[in-house]
Amino acid sequence: MPVISISLNREILAETDRIQKELGFSGRSEVIRTALRALIANSKEKRALAGRLRAILLLLHHKNAENAVTAIKHEYEEITKSQSHHHLGEEKCLEIFVLDGDAEKIKEMERLFTTSRKMEYVALIII
């Protein structure tokens, strides 16, 4: 089996160790393999989406990431039916987008948020 090396910040490593103990994984590698399998399955599901979709896009981010959200969301106004912004305490924000439009545009918008490194959580829910 090929071996790869990855770098994790302390927070992700601590969460990985917590999940390992909580769920009874044999080691960190098994936790990471399971996470990668879930990511691959999710990616395959999204790749299959086509045509017109209705979806909800959830974002959780630090309040300092507001510019990153604004830069991306303005590119997708034609598929955004509504968007709400909520403050969660002093530092966190929740964005809720209701989307209606071409599957490719919705997937592209979700991909940009997911890969931006400014988002703590991104979820696309097809309705």
N, C-alpha and C. Protein backbone atom coordinates (compact mmCIF):
# COMPACT_ATOMS: atom_id res chain seq x y z
N MET A 1 0.85 -1.17 0.00
CA MET A 1 0.00 0.00 0.00
C MET A 1 0.90 1.24 0.00
N PRO A 2 0.64 2.22 -0.90
CA PRO A 2 1.43 3.44 -0.91
C PRO A 2 1.25 4.22 0.40
N VAL A 3 2.28 4.93 0.79
CA VAL A 3 2.25 5.74 2.00
C VAL A 3 2.38 7.20 1.60
N ILE A 4 1.54 8.05 2.19
CA ILE A 4 1.65 9.49 1.95
C ILE A 4 1.85 10.19 3.29
N SER A 5 2.35 11.36 3.22
CA SER A 5 2.58 12.16 4.42
C SER A 5 1.71 13.41 4.33
N ILE A 6 1.03 13.75 5.42
CA ILE A 6 0.21 14.96 5.42
C ILE A 6 0.53 15.81 6.64
N SER A 7 0.25 17.09 6.52
CA SER A 7 0.41 18.02 7.64
C SER A 7 -0.96 18.42 8.13
N LEU A 8 -1.16 18.38 9.44
CA LEU A 8 -2.42 18.77 10.06
C LEU A 8 -2.13 19.79 11.15
N ASN A 9 -3.04 20.77 11.27
CA ASN A 9 -2.86 21.69 12.39
C ASN A 9 -3.26 20.98 13.68
N ARG A 10 -2.94 21.56 14.81
CA ARG A 10 -3.18 20.91 16.11
C ARG A 10 -4.66 20.62 16.35
N GLU A 11 -5.52 21.52 15.91
CA GLU A 11 -6.96 21.34 16.12
C GLU A 11 -7.48 20.12 15.36
N ILE A 12 -7.09 19.99 14.10
CA ILE A 12 -7.54 18.85 13.29
C ILE A 12 -6.94 17.55 13.84
N LEU A 13 -5.69 17.59 14.25
CA LEU A 13 -5.07 16.39 14.82
C LEU A 13 -5.79 15.97 16.10
N ALA A 14 -6.10 16.93 16.95
CA ALA A 14 -6.82 16.61 18.19
C ALA A 14 -8.20 16.01 17.89
N GLU A 15 -8.90 16.56 16.90
CA GLU A 15 -10.20 16.02 16.52
C GLU A 15 -10.06 14.63 15.93
N THR A 16 -9.01 14.41 15.14
CA THR A 16 -8.75 13.08 14.58
C THR A 16 -8.54 12.07 15.70
N ASP A 17 -7.75 12.44 16.69
CA ASP A 17 -7.51 11.54 17.82
C ASP A 17 -8.79 11.30 18.62
N ARG A 18 -9.61 12.33 18.78
CA ARG A 18 -10.87 12.18 19.51
C ARG A 18 -11.79 11.21 18.77
N ILE A 19 -11.90 11.37 17.44
CA ILE A 19 -12.74 10.48 16.64
C ILE A 19 -12.21 9.05 16.69
N GLN A 20 -10.90 8.91 16.63
CA GLN A 20 -10.29 7.57 16.70
C GLN A 20 -10.72 6.85 17.97
N LYS A 21 -10.60 7.54 19.09
CA LYS A 21 -10.96 6.92 20.38
C LYS A 21 -12.47 6.72 20.50
N GLU A 22 -13.23 7.74 20.12
CA GLU A 22 -14.68 7.70 20.26
C GLU A 22 -15.32 6.59 19.43
N LEU A 23 -14.84 6.41 18.19
CA LEU A 23 -15.44 5.43 17.29
C LEU A 23 -14.68 4.10 17.23
N GLY A 24 -13.54 4.04 17.92
CA GLY A 24 -12.82 2.78 18.01
C GLY A 24 -11.98 2.43 16.79
N PHE A 25 -11.53 3.43 16.04
CA PHE A 25 -10.64 3.16 14.91
C PHE A 25 -9.31 2.64 15.43
N SER A 26 -8.64 1.82 14.62
CA SER A 26 -7.38 1.23 15.04
C SER A 26 -6.22 2.24 15.05
N GLY A 27 -6.35 3.33 14.29
CA GLY A 27 -5.30 4.34 14.26
C GLY A 27 -5.75 5.56 13.45
N ARG A 28 -4.90 6.54 13.43
CA ARG A 28 -5.20 7.77 12.69
C ARG A 28 -5.38 7.50 11.20
N SER A 29 -4.57 6.61 10.66
CA SER A 29 -4.66 6.31 9.22
C SER A 29 -6.05 5.81 8.86
N GLU A 30 -6.64 4.98 9.72
CA GLU A 30 -7.98 4.45 9.43
C GLU A 30 -9.02 5.57 9.48
N VAL A 31 -8.87 6.51 10.39
CA VAL A 31 -9.77 7.66 10.44
C VAL A 31 -9.68 8.45 9.14
N ILE A 32 -8.47 8.71 8.69
CA ILE A 32 -8.26 9.49 7.47
C ILE A 32 -8.76 8.73 6.24
N ARG A 33 -8.52 7.42 6.17
CA ARG A 33 -9.05 6.63 5.05
C ARG A 33 -10.57 6.68 5.00
N THR A 34 -11.22 6.59 6.17
CA THR A 34 -12.68 6.65 6.24
C THR A 34 -13.18 8.01 5.78
N ALA A 35 -12.51 9.07 6.22
CA ALA A 35 -12.90 10.43 5.81
C ALA A 35 -12.74 10.60 4.30
N LEU A 36 -11.66 10.08 3.75
CA LEU A 36 -11.44 10.18 2.31
C LEU A 36 -12.49 9.39 1.53
N ARG A 37 -12.86 8.21 2.02
CA ARG A 37 -13.91 7.44 1.34
C ARG A 37 -15.22 8.22 1.32
N ALA A 38 -15.55 8.89 2.43
CA ALA A 38 -16.78 9.70 2.49
C ALA A 38 -16.70 10.87 1.52
N LEU A 39 -15.54 11.52 1.44
CA LEU A 39 -15.35 12.63 0.51
C LEU A 39 -15.48 12.16 -0.93
N ILE A 40 -14.91 11.02 -1.25
CA ILE A 40 -15.00 10.47 -2.60
C ILE A 40 -16.44 10.13 -2.95
N ALA A 41 -17.17 9.50 -2.04
CA ALA A 41 -18.58 9.16 -2.29
C ALA A 41 -19.41 10.42 -2.50
N ASN A 42 -19.17 11.43 -1.69
CA ASN A 42 -19.89 12.71 -1.83
C ASN A 42 -19.58 13.35 -3.17
N SER A 43 -18.34 13.31 -3.58
CA SER A 43 -17.93 13.89 -4.86
C SER A 43 -18.61 13.17 -6.02
N LYS A 44 -18.69 11.85 -5.95
CA LYS A 44 -19.36 11.08 -7.00
C LYS A 44 -20.84 11.44 -7.10
N GLU A 45 -21.49 11.59 -5.95
CA GLU A 45 -22.90 11.98 -5.94
C GLU A 45 -23.10 13.34 -6.60
N LYS A 46 -22.26 14.29 -6.26
CA LYS A 46 -22.38 15.63 -6.83
C LYS A 46 -22.10 15.64 -8.32
N ARG A 47 -21.12 14.84 -8.75
CA ARG A 47 -20.79 14.76 -10.18
C ARG A 47 -21.99 14.30 -11.00
N ALA A 48 -22.83 13.47 -10.41
CA ALA A 48 -23.99 12.92 -11.12
C ALA A 48 -25.14 13.92 -11.23
N LEU A 49 -25.11 15.00 -10.46
CA LEU A 49 -26.19 15.98 -10.50
C LEU A 49 -26.19 16.70 -11.84
N ALA A 50 -27.39 16.86 -12.41
CA ALA A 50 -27.51 17.52 -13.71
C ALA A 50 -28.87 18.20 -13.81
N GLY A 51 -28.96 19.11 -14.79
CA GLY A 51 -30.23 19.79 -15.03
C GLY A 51 -30.47 20.91 -14.04
N ARG A 52 -31.73 21.20 -13.84
CA ARG A 52 -32.11 22.26 -12.91
C ARG A 52 -32.25 21.68 -11.51
N LEU A 53 -31.66 22.36 -10.54
CA LEU A 53 -31.70 21.92 -9.15
C LEU A 53 -32.23 23.03 -8.25
N ARG A 54 -32.77 22.59 -7.15
CA ARG A 54 -33.07 23.49 -6.04
C ARG A 54 -32.24 22.97 -4.87
N ALA A 55 -31.58 23.88 -4.17
CA ALA A 55 -30.67 23.44 -3.11
C ALA A 55 -30.55 24.51 -2.04
N ILE A 56 -30.06 24.07 -0.89
CA ILE A 56 -29.70 24.96 0.20
C ILE A 56 -28.20 24.80 0.40
N LEU A 57 -27.50 25.92 0.50
CA LEU A 57 -26.06 25.90 0.73
C LEU A 57 -25.81 26.56 2.08
N LEU A 58 -25.19 25.82 2.99
CA LEU A 58 -24.88 26.32 4.32
C LEU A 58 -23.38 26.57 4.42
N LEU A 59 -23.02 27.71 4.99
CA LEU A 59 -21.62 28.05 5.23
C LEU A 59 -21.45 28.47 6.67
N LEU A 60 -20.41 28.01 7.30
CA LEU A 60 -20.02 28.49 8.61
C LEU A 60 -18.60 29.03 8.48
N HIS A 61 -18.40 30.26 8.94
CA HIS A 61 -17.08 30.87 8.79
C HIS A 61 -16.82 31.87 9.91
N HIS A 62 -15.57 32.21 10.06
CA HIS A 62 -15.17 33.25 11.01
C HIS A 62 -15.64 34.59 10.43
N LYS A 63 -15.97 35.51 11.29
CA LYS A 63 -16.48 36.80 10.82
C LYS A 63 -15.49 37.53 9.90
N ASN A 64 -14.21 37.25 10.03
CA ASN A 64 -13.20 37.90 9.18
C ASN A 64 -13.20 37.38 7.74
N ALA A 65 -13.99 36.35 7.45
CA ALA A 65 -14.04 35.78 6.10
C ALA A 65 -15.15 36.40 5.25
N GLU A 66 -15.77 37.44 5.73
CA GLU A 66 -16.90 38.06 5.04
C GLU A 66 -16.56 38.49 3.62
N ASN A 67 -15.37 39.02 3.38
CA ASN A 67 -14.97 39.43 2.03
C ASN A 67 -14.90 38.26 1.07
N ALA A 68 -14.45 37.12 1.55
CA ALA A 68 -14.39 35.92 0.70
C ALA A 68 -15.79 35.47 0.30
N VAL A 69 -16.72 35.52 1.24
CA VAL A 69 -18.12 35.15 0.94
C VAL A 69 -18.69 36.10 -0.09
N THR A 70 -18.51 37.38 0.12
CA THR A 70 -19.06 38.39 -0.79
C THR A 70 -18.49 38.24 -2.20
N ALA A 71 -17.20 37.99 -2.31
CA ALA A 71 -16.57 37.85 -3.63
C ALA A 71 -17.17 36.70 -4.42
N ILE A 72 -17.44 35.59 -3.74
CA ILE A 72 -17.99 34.43 -4.44
C ILE A 72 -19.48 34.61 -4.71
N LYS A 73 -20.24 35.07 -3.72
CA LYS A 73 -21.70 35.11 -3.88
C LYS A 73 -22.15 36.05 -5.00
N HIS A 74 -21.42 37.11 -5.25
CA HIS A 74 -21.81 38.05 -6.32
C HIS A 74 -21.72 37.42 -7.71
N GLU A 75 -20.91 36.39 -7.84
CA GLU A 75 -20.79 35.70 -9.13
C GLU A 75 -21.97 34.77 -9.41
N TYR A 76 -22.81 34.54 -8.40
CA TYR A 76 -23.89 33.56 -8.55
C TYR A 76 -25.26 34.14 -8.19
N GLU A 77 -25.43 35.41 -8.43
CA GLU A 77 -26.71 36.05 -8.11
C GLU A 77 -27.87 35.47 -8.93
N GLU A 78 -27.59 34.98 -10.15
CA GLU A 78 -28.67 34.45 -11.00
C GLU A 78 -29.26 33.16 -10.46
N ILE A 79 -28.54 32.42 -9.62
CA ILE A 79 -29.10 31.18 -9.06
C ILE A 79 -29.48 31.34 -7.58
N THR A 80 -29.17 32.49 -6.98
CA THR A 80 -29.47 32.73 -5.57
C THR A 80 -30.86 33.34 -5.44
N LYS A 81 -31.76 32.59 -4.82
CA LYS A 81 -33.12 33.08 -4.60
C LYS A 81 -33.20 33.88 -3.31
N SER A 82 -32.44 33.48 -2.30
CA SER A 82 -32.34 34.26 -1.07
C SER A 82 -31.06 33.87 -0.35
N GLN A 83 -30.64 34.77 0.52
CA GLN A 83 -29.45 34.53 1.32
C GLN A 83 -29.65 35.21 2.65
N SER A 84 -29.34 34.51 3.73
CA SER A 84 -29.42 35.14 5.05
C SER A 84 -28.10 34.94 5.77
N HIS A 85 -27.79 35.93 6.57
CA HIS A 85 -26.53 35.97 7.32
C HIS A 85 -26.88 36.04 8.80
N HIS A 86 -26.28 35.15 9.58
CA HIS A 86 -26.59 35.10 11.01
C HIS A 86 -25.29 35.13 11.81
N HIS A 87 -25.29 35.91 12.87
CA HIS A 87 -24.15 35.95 13.78
C HIS A 87 -24.33 34.88 14.84
N LEU A 88 -23.31 34.07 15.01
CA LEU A 88 -23.32 33.02 16.03
C LEU A 88 -22.25 33.38 17.05
N GLY A 89 -22.64 34.11 18.02
CA GLY A 89 -21.68 34.59 19.00
C GLY A 89 -20.88 35.75 18.41
N GLU A 90 -19.73 35.98 18.98
CA GLU A 90 -18.92 37.13 18.60
C GLU A 90 -18.07 36.90 17.35
N GLU A 91 -17.71 35.65 17.07
CA GLU A 91 -16.71 35.38 16.04
C GLU A 91 -17.21 34.61 14.82
N LYS A 92 -18.31 33.89 14.92
CA LYS A 92 -18.76 33.00 13.85
C LYS A 92 -19.97 33.56 13.13
N CYS A 93 -20.08 33.19 11.85
CA CYS A 93 -21.23 33.58 11.04
C CYS A 93 -21.75 32.35 10.31
N LEU A 94 -23.06 32.31 10.13
CA LEU A 94 -23.73 31.28 9.36
C LEU A 94 -24.40 31.95 8.17
N GLU A 95 -24.14 31.43 6.98
CA GLU A 95 -24.79 31.90 5.76
C GLU A 95 -25.70 30.80 5.27
N ILE A 96 -26.90 31.16 4.87
CA ILE A 96 -27.85 30.20 4.29
C ILE A 96 -28.27 30.74 2.94
N PHE A 97 -27.94 29.99 1.89
CA PHE A 97 -28.32 30.35 0.53
C PHE A 97 -29.41 29.40 0.05
N VAL A 98 -30.47 29.93 -0.53
CA VAL A 98 -31.46 29.12 -1.22
C VAL A 98 -31.17 29.31 -2.70
N LEU A 99 -30.87 28.20 -3.38
CA LEU A 99 -30.43 28.24 -4.77
C LEU A 99 -31.43 27.53 -5.68
N ASP A 100 -31.56 28.05 -6.89
CA ASP A 100 -32.42 27.45 -7.90
C ASP A 100 -31.79 27.75 -9.25
N GLY A 101 -31.36 26.69 -9.94
CA GLY A 101 -30.75 26.92 -11.24
C GLY A 101 -29.99 25.71 -11.75
N ASP A 102 -29.14 25.96 -12.70
CA ASP A 102 -28.37 24.92 -13.36
C ASP A 102 -27.46 24.19 -12.37
N ALA A 103 -27.48 22.87 -12.43
CA ALA A 103 -26.69 22.06 -11.52
C ALA A 103 -25.20 22.40 -11.58
N GLU A 104 -24.70 22.67 -12.77
CA GLU A 104 -23.27 22.98 -12.91
C GLU A 104 -22.91 24.26 -12.17
N LYS A 105 -23.78 25.26 -12.22
CA LYS A 105 -23.51 26.53 -11.52
C LYS A 105 -23.57 26.32 -10.00
N ILE A 106 -24.54 25.54 -9.55
CA ILE A 106 -24.67 25.27 -8.12
C ILE A 106 -23.45 24.51 -7.62
N LYS A 107 -23.01 23.49 -8.36
CA LYS A 107 -21.83 22.72 -7.97
C LYS A 107 -20.58 23.59 -7.98
N GLU A 108 -20.49 24.47 -8.95
CA GLU A 108 -19.33 25.37 -9.04
C GLU A 108 -19.28 26.31 -7.84
N MET A 109 -20.43 26.87 -7.47
CA MET A 109 -20.50 27.77 -6.30
C MET A 109 -20.09 27.03 -5.03
N GLU A 110 -20.62 25.84 -4.85
CA GLU A 110 -20.29 25.05 -3.67
C GLU A 110 -18.81 24.70 -3.64
N ARG A 111 -18.25 24.36 -4.80
CA ARG A 111 -16.83 24.01 -4.89
C ARG A 111 -15.94 25.20 -4.50
N LEU A 112 -16.30 26.39 -4.95
CA LEU A 112 -15.51 27.58 -4.62
C LEU A 112 -15.51 27.85 -3.12
N PHE A 113 -16.66 27.71 -2.49
CA PHE A 113 -16.70 27.90 -1.04
C PHE A 113 -15.92 26.79 -0.32
N THR A 114 -16.07 25.57 -0.76
CA THR A 114 -15.40 24.45 -0.11
C THR A 114 -13.88 24.58 -0.18
N THR A 115 -13.37 25.05 -1.30
CA THR A 115 -11.92 25.12 -1.48
C THR A 115 -11.32 26.47 -1.10
N SER A 116 -12.12 27.38 -0.57
CA SER A 116 -11.62 28.73 -0.29
C SER A 116 -10.68 28.82 0.91
N ARG A 117 -10.68 27.82 1.78
CA ARG A 117 -9.87 27.79 3.01
C ARG A 117 -10.36 28.80 4.05
N LYS A 118 -11.36 29.60 3.72
CA LYS A 118 -11.90 30.56 4.67
C LYS A 118 -13.14 30.01 5.37
N MET A 119 -13.72 28.94 4.81
CA MET A 119 -14.94 28.37 5.38
C MET A 119 -14.58 27.25 6.35
N GLU A 120 -15.28 27.24 7.47
CA GLU A 120 -15.08 26.16 8.44
C GLU A 120 -15.97 24.97 8.13
N TYR A 121 -17.09 25.24 7.46
CA TYR A 121 -18.02 24.16 7.14
C TYR A 121 -18.84 24.60 5.92
N VAL A 122 -19.01 23.68 4.98
CA VAL A 122 -19.83 23.92 3.79
C VAL A 122 -20.68 22.68 3.57
N ALA A 123 -21.98 22.87 3.40
CA ALA A 123 -22.87 21.74 3.12
C ALA A 123 -23.85 22.13 2.03
N LEU A 124 -23.99 21.28 1.04
CA LEU A 124 -24.95 21.47 -0.02
C LEU A 124 -26.05 20.44 0.16
N ILE A 125 -27.27 20.91 0.28
CA ILE A 125 -28.42 20.04 0.48
C ILE A 125 -29.34 20.21 -0.73
N ILE A 126 -29.56 19.13 -1.45
CA ILE A 126 -30.44 19.16 -2.61
C ILE A 126 -31.86 18.95 -2.11
N ILE A 127 -32.77 19.85 -2.55
CA ILE A 127 -34.17 19.74 -2.09
C ILE A 127 -35.10 19.46 -3.25
